[in-house]
Amino acid sequence: MKRRAAIVHVTDHAVIRYLERGLGVDVAALKRHIASMAQDAAEMGAVGLKVDRIKLVISPDHTDETGTRHVHIPTVLERNMLGAIADANARQRRRGACGDE
């Protein structure tokens, strides 16, 4: 059989499972660690937290019947990405404001 060129795409999910199952990284412990870093900020209603050279993005899910705020951390950004994201968000808000008039 003749070999043909192939491009292999690896998903983030596959990387996480490789770290966990292939290299023995305790992913559950990493998740607990990240959650503990964001706990105080989430309780104060923050949408992000700068830690060392990164920013944890905090996204609200819902508030339950006891008043507990449920949030998730959908991504982690490099600090040098923050300015570009703030600029994009500001442009989006301006476009939204123009559309509401």
N, C-alpha and C. Protein backbone atom coordinates (compact mmCIF):
# COMPACT_ATOMS: atom_id res chain seq x y z
N MET A 1 0.84 -1.17 0.00
CA MET A 1 0.00 0.00 0.00
C MET A 1 0.89 1.24 0.00
N LYS A 2 0.55 2.19 -0.84
CA LYS A 2 1.33 3.41 -0.96
C LYS A 2 0.98 4.37 0.18
N ARG A 3 2.03 4.97 0.76
CA ARG A 3 1.81 5.96 1.81
C ARG A 3 1.29 7.24 1.21
N ARG A 4 0.36 7.88 1.91
CA ARG A 4 -0.17 9.17 1.47
C ARG A 4 0.03 10.18 2.58
N ALA A 5 0.25 11.40 2.20
CA ALA A 5 0.43 12.47 3.18
C ALA A 5 -0.80 12.56 4.08
N ALA A 6 -0.57 12.86 5.34
CA ALA A 6 -1.67 13.00 6.29
C ALA A 6 -1.34 14.12 7.26
N ILE A 7 -2.34 14.86 7.62
CA ILE A 7 -2.20 15.89 8.65
C ILE A 7 -3.00 15.40 9.86
N VAL A 8 -2.34 15.31 10.98
CA VAL A 8 -2.99 14.81 12.20
C VAL A 8 -3.33 15.99 13.09
N HIS A 9 -4.60 16.12 13.43
CA HIS A 9 -5.07 17.17 14.34
C HIS A 9 -5.33 16.51 15.70
N VAL A 10 -4.82 17.12 16.75
CA VAL A 10 -4.99 16.60 18.11
C VAL A 10 -5.86 17.58 18.89
N THR A 11 -6.95 17.08 19.45
CA THR A 11 -7.85 17.94 20.21
C THR A 11 -7.31 18.21 21.61
N ASP A 12 -7.81 19.28 22.23
CA ASP A 12 -7.45 19.58 23.61
C ASP A 12 -7.85 18.42 24.52
N HIS A 13 -8.99 17.82 24.25
CA HIS A 13 -9.45 16.68 25.05
C HIS A 13 -8.44 15.54 24.99
N ALA A 14 -7.92 15.27 23.80
CA ALA A 14 -6.93 14.20 23.65
C ALA A 14 -5.66 14.52 24.43
N VAL A 15 -5.26 15.78 24.43
CA VAL A 15 -4.06 16.18 25.19
C VAL A 15 -4.28 15.93 26.68
N ILE A 16 -5.45 16.35 27.18
CA ILE A 16 -5.75 16.14 28.60
C ILE A 16 -5.74 14.65 28.94
N ARG A 17 -6.39 13.84 28.11
CA ARG A 17 -6.43 12.39 28.39
C ARG A 17 -5.02 11.78 28.28
N TYR A 18 -4.19 12.26 27.38
CA TYR A 18 -2.82 11.77 27.28
C TYR A 18 -2.04 12.11 28.55
N LEU A 19 -2.19 13.36 29.01
CA LEU A 19 -1.51 13.74 30.25
C LEU A 19 -1.97 12.85 31.40
N GLU A 20 -3.27 12.62 31.46
CA GLU A 20 -3.85 11.84 32.56
C GLU A 20 -3.51 10.36 32.45
N ARG A 21 -3.82 9.76 31.34
CA ARG A 21 -3.70 8.31 31.20
C ARG A 21 -2.34 7.85 30.71
N GLY A 22 -1.69 8.68 29.91
CA GLY A 22 -0.39 8.29 29.38
C GLY A 22 0.77 8.67 30.28
N LEU A 23 0.67 9.84 30.90
CA LEU A 23 1.77 10.33 31.73
C LEU A 23 1.47 10.28 33.23
N GLY A 24 0.26 9.92 33.58
CA GLY A 24 -0.08 9.79 35.00
C GLY A 24 -0.32 11.10 35.73
N VAL A 25 -0.57 12.19 35.00
CA VAL A 25 -0.85 13.48 35.63
C VAL A 25 -2.22 13.40 36.30
N ASP A 26 -2.30 13.85 37.54
CA ASP A 26 -3.56 13.83 38.29
C ASP A 26 -4.38 15.06 37.88
N VAL A 27 -5.18 14.91 36.84
CA VAL A 27 -5.96 16.01 36.30
C VAL A 27 -6.99 16.49 37.31
N ALA A 28 -7.58 15.59 38.06
CA ALA A 28 -8.57 15.99 39.08
C ALA A 28 -7.92 16.89 40.13
N ALA A 29 -6.68 16.59 40.50
CA ALA A 29 -5.98 17.44 41.48
C ALA A 29 -5.68 18.82 40.87
N LEU A 30 -5.33 18.86 39.59
CA LEU A 30 -5.11 20.15 38.92
C LEU A 30 -6.39 20.98 38.89
N LYS A 31 -7.52 20.33 38.62
CA LYS A 31 -8.79 21.04 38.61
C LYS A 31 -9.12 21.60 40.00
N ARG A 32 -8.87 20.81 41.03
CA ARG A 32 -9.11 21.29 42.40
C ARG A 32 -8.20 22.47 42.72
N HIS A 33 -6.96 22.41 42.28
CA HIS A 33 -6.01 23.49 42.52
C HIS A 33 -6.46 24.79 41.83
N ILE A 34 -6.85 24.68 40.57
CA ILE A 34 -7.33 25.86 39.84
C ILE A 34 -8.59 26.42 40.51
N ALA A 35 -9.51 25.55 40.89
CA ALA A 35 -10.74 26.00 41.56
C ALA A 35 -10.42 26.71 42.87
N SER A 36 -9.46 26.19 43.62
CA SER A 36 -9.12 26.83 44.90
C SER A 36 -8.50 28.21 44.69
N MET A 37 -7.74 28.37 43.60
CA MET A 37 -7.17 29.69 43.31
C MET A 37 -8.26 30.70 42.99
N ALA A 38 -9.33 30.25 42.32
CA ALA A 38 -10.38 31.15 41.87
C ALA A 38 -11.50 31.35 42.89
N GLN A 39 -11.51 30.59 43.97
CA GLN A 39 -12.62 30.59 44.92
C GLN A 39 -12.98 31.99 45.44
N ASP A 40 -12.02 32.70 46.01
CA ASP A 40 -12.30 34.03 46.57
C ASP A 40 -12.80 34.99 45.50
N ALA A 41 -12.15 34.98 44.34
CA ALA A 41 -12.55 35.89 43.26
C ALA A 41 -13.98 35.58 42.80
N ALA A 42 -14.31 34.30 42.69
CA ALA A 42 -15.66 33.90 42.27
C ALA A 42 -16.70 34.35 43.28
N GLU A 43 -16.37 34.22 44.57
CA GLU A 43 -17.31 34.63 45.62
C GLU A 43 -17.54 36.14 45.61
N MET A 44 -16.56 36.90 45.12
CA MET A 44 -16.69 38.35 45.06
C MET A 44 -17.33 38.81 43.74
N GLY A 45 -17.65 37.86 42.86
CA GLY A 45 -18.30 38.20 41.60
C GLY A 45 -17.36 38.58 40.48
N ALA A 46 -16.08 38.28 40.62
CA ALA A 46 -15.09 38.63 39.59
C ALA A 46 -15.31 37.79 38.33
N VAL A 47 -14.88 38.33 37.21
CA VAL A 47 -14.95 37.60 35.94
C VAL A 47 -13.58 37.09 35.52
N GLY A 48 -12.57 37.35 36.32
CA GLY A 48 -11.23 36.87 36.02
C GLY A 48 -10.31 37.06 37.20
N LEU A 49 -9.20 36.37 37.17
CA LEU A 49 -8.22 36.44 38.25
C LEU A 49 -6.83 36.31 37.66
N LYS A 50 -5.98 37.29 37.91
CA LYS A 50 -4.59 37.23 37.46
C LYS A 50 -3.78 36.46 38.50
N VAL A 51 -3.08 35.45 38.03
CA VAL A 51 -2.24 34.61 38.88
C VAL A 51 -0.91 34.42 38.15
N ASP A 52 0.16 34.91 38.76
CA ASP A 52 1.49 34.81 38.13
C ASP A 52 1.44 35.37 36.72
N ARG A 53 1.71 34.54 35.71
CA ARG A 53 1.77 35.01 34.32
C ARG A 53 0.50 34.70 33.54
N ILE A 54 -0.58 34.34 34.23
CA ILE A 54 -1.81 33.94 33.55
C ILE A 54 -3.03 34.65 34.13
N LYS A 55 -4.15 34.52 33.43
CA LYS A 55 -5.43 34.99 33.95
C LYS A 55 -6.41 33.84 33.84
N LEU A 56 -7.07 33.51 34.95
CA LEU A 56 -8.16 32.55 34.95
C LEU A 56 -9.42 33.30 34.57
N VAL A 57 -10.11 32.87 33.55
CA VAL A 57 -11.38 33.47 33.15
C VAL A 57 -12.48 32.79 33.95
N ILE A 58 -13.31 33.60 34.62
CA ILE A 58 -14.39 33.08 35.46
C ILE A 58 -15.71 33.43 34.78
N SER A 59 -16.49 32.42 34.46
CA SER A 59 -17.74 32.62 33.74
C SER A 59 -18.90 32.14 34.60
N PRO A 60 -19.89 33.01 34.87
CA PRO A 60 -21.01 32.59 35.72
C PRO A 60 -21.92 31.59 35.01
N ASP A 61 -22.40 30.61 35.76
CA ASP A 61 -23.37 29.65 35.23
C ASP A 61 -24.76 30.02 35.72
N HIS A 62 -24.95 29.93 37.03
CA HIS A 62 -26.25 30.23 37.61
C HIS A 62 -26.11 30.41 39.12
N THR A 63 -27.16 30.89 39.74
CA THR A 63 -27.24 30.96 41.20
C THR A 63 -28.33 30.00 41.63
N ASP A 64 -28.01 29.11 42.57
CA ASP A 64 -29.00 28.12 42.97
C ASP A 64 -29.97 28.69 44.01
N GLU A 65 -30.89 27.86 44.46
CA GLU A 65 -31.95 28.31 45.39
C GLU A 65 -31.41 28.77 46.74
N THR A 66 -30.19 28.37 47.09
CA THR A 66 -29.60 28.82 48.36
C THR A 66 -28.83 30.12 48.20
N GLY A 67 -28.75 30.63 46.96
CA GLY A 67 -28.00 31.85 46.71
C GLY A 67 -26.54 31.62 46.37
N THR A 68 -26.14 30.36 46.27
CA THR A 68 -24.76 30.03 45.93
C THR A 68 -24.54 30.25 44.44
N ARG A 69 -23.51 30.98 44.13
CA ARG A 69 -23.17 31.30 42.73
C ARG A 69 -22.33 30.16 42.16
N HIS A 70 -22.78 29.60 41.06
CA HIS A 70 -22.03 28.54 40.37
C HIS A 70 -21.33 29.15 39.17
N VAL A 71 -20.02 28.93 39.06
CA VAL A 71 -19.23 29.47 37.95
C VAL A 71 -18.35 28.37 37.38
N HIS A 72 -17.79 28.62 36.22
CA HIS A 72 -16.79 27.69 35.67
C HIS A 72 -15.62 28.49 35.11
N ILE A 73 -14.52 27.81 34.96
CA ILE A 73 -13.31 28.40 34.38
C ILE A 73 -13.20 27.80 32.98
N PRO A 74 -13.64 28.54 31.95
CA PRO A 74 -13.62 27.96 30.60
C PRO A 74 -12.25 27.97 29.94
N THR A 75 -11.36 28.88 30.40
CA THR A 75 -10.05 28.96 29.77
C THR A 75 -9.07 29.67 30.68
N VAL A 76 -7.82 29.58 30.32
CA VAL A 76 -6.74 30.28 31.00
C VAL A 76 -5.98 31.05 29.93
N LEU A 77 -5.78 32.34 30.16
CA LEU A 77 -5.12 33.19 29.17
C LEU A 77 -3.72 33.57 29.63
N GLU A 78 -2.85 33.82 28.67
CA GLU A 78 -1.56 34.42 28.98
C GLU A 78 -1.82 35.90 29.24
N ARG A 79 -1.08 36.48 30.14
CA ARG A 79 -1.32 37.89 30.48
C ARG A 79 -1.16 38.81 29.28
N ASN A 80 -0.29 38.48 28.34
CA ASN A 80 -0.12 39.36 27.18
C ASN A 80 -1.32 39.31 26.24
N MET A 81 -2.26 38.40 26.46
CA MET A 81 -3.47 38.32 25.66
C MET A 81 -4.56 39.24 26.19
N LEU A 82 -4.41 39.74 27.40
CA LEU A 82 -5.48 40.48 28.05
C LEU A 82 -5.83 41.76 27.33
N GLY A 83 -4.85 42.51 26.87
CA GLY A 83 -5.12 43.77 26.19
C GLY A 83 -5.91 43.56 24.90
N ALA A 84 -5.55 42.57 24.14
CA ALA A 84 -6.24 42.29 22.88
C ALA A 84 -7.68 41.88 23.14
N ILE A 85 -7.91 41.10 24.18
CA ILE A 85 -9.27 40.67 24.50
C ILE A 85 -10.10 41.85 25.00
N ALA A 86 -9.51 42.71 25.82
CA ALA A 86 -10.22 43.89 26.30
C ALA A 86 -10.59 44.80 25.13
N ASP A 87 -9.67 44.97 24.18
CA ASP A 87 -9.96 45.78 22.99
C ASP A 87 -11.10 45.18 22.18
N ALA A 88 -11.08 43.88 21.99
CA ALA A 88 -12.14 43.21 21.23
C ALA A 88 -13.48 43.34 21.94
N ASN A 89 -13.48 43.19 23.26
CA ASN A 89 -14.72 43.33 24.03
C ASN A 89 -15.26 44.75 23.93
N ALA A 90 -14.39 45.74 23.99
CA ALA A 90 -14.81 47.14 23.89
C ALA A 90 -15.41 47.41 22.51
N ARG A 91 -14.78 46.87 21.45
CA ARG A 91 -15.33 47.05 20.10
C ARG A 91 -16.71 46.41 19.99
N GLN A 92 -16.85 45.23 20.58
CA GLN A 92 -18.13 44.53 20.53
C GLN A 92 -19.21 45.33 21.27
N ARG A 93 -18.86 45.90 22.44
CA ARG A 93 -19.83 46.70 23.20
C ARG A 93 -20.24 47.93 22.39
N ARG A 94 -19.27 48.57 21.73
CA ARG A 94 -19.60 49.75 20.92
C ARG A 94 -20.54 49.39 19.78
N ARG A 95 -20.26 48.26 19.12
CA ARG A 95 -21.15 47.83 18.04
C ARG A 95 -22.54 47.52 18.57
N GLY A 96 -22.61 46.90 19.74
CA GLY A 96 -23.91 46.59 20.35
C GLY A 96 -24.67 47.84 20.71
N ALA A 97 -23.95 48.84 21.23
CA ALA A 97 -24.58 50.11 21.59
C ALA A 97 -25.12 50.80 20.35
N CYS A 98 -24.37 50.75 19.25
CA CYS A 98 -24.82 51.39 18.01
C CYS A 98 -26.05 50.68 17.47
N GLY A 99 -26.10 49.37 17.61
CA GLY A 99 -27.22 48.61 17.09
C GLY A 99 -28.50 48.82 17.88
N ASP A 100 -28.38 49.23 19.16
CA ASP A 100 -29.56 49.41 20.00
C ASP A 100 -30.26 50.73 19.75
N GLU A 101 -29.60 51.65 19.09
CA GLU A 101 -30.18 52.98 18.89
C GLU A 101 -31.25 52.98 17.83
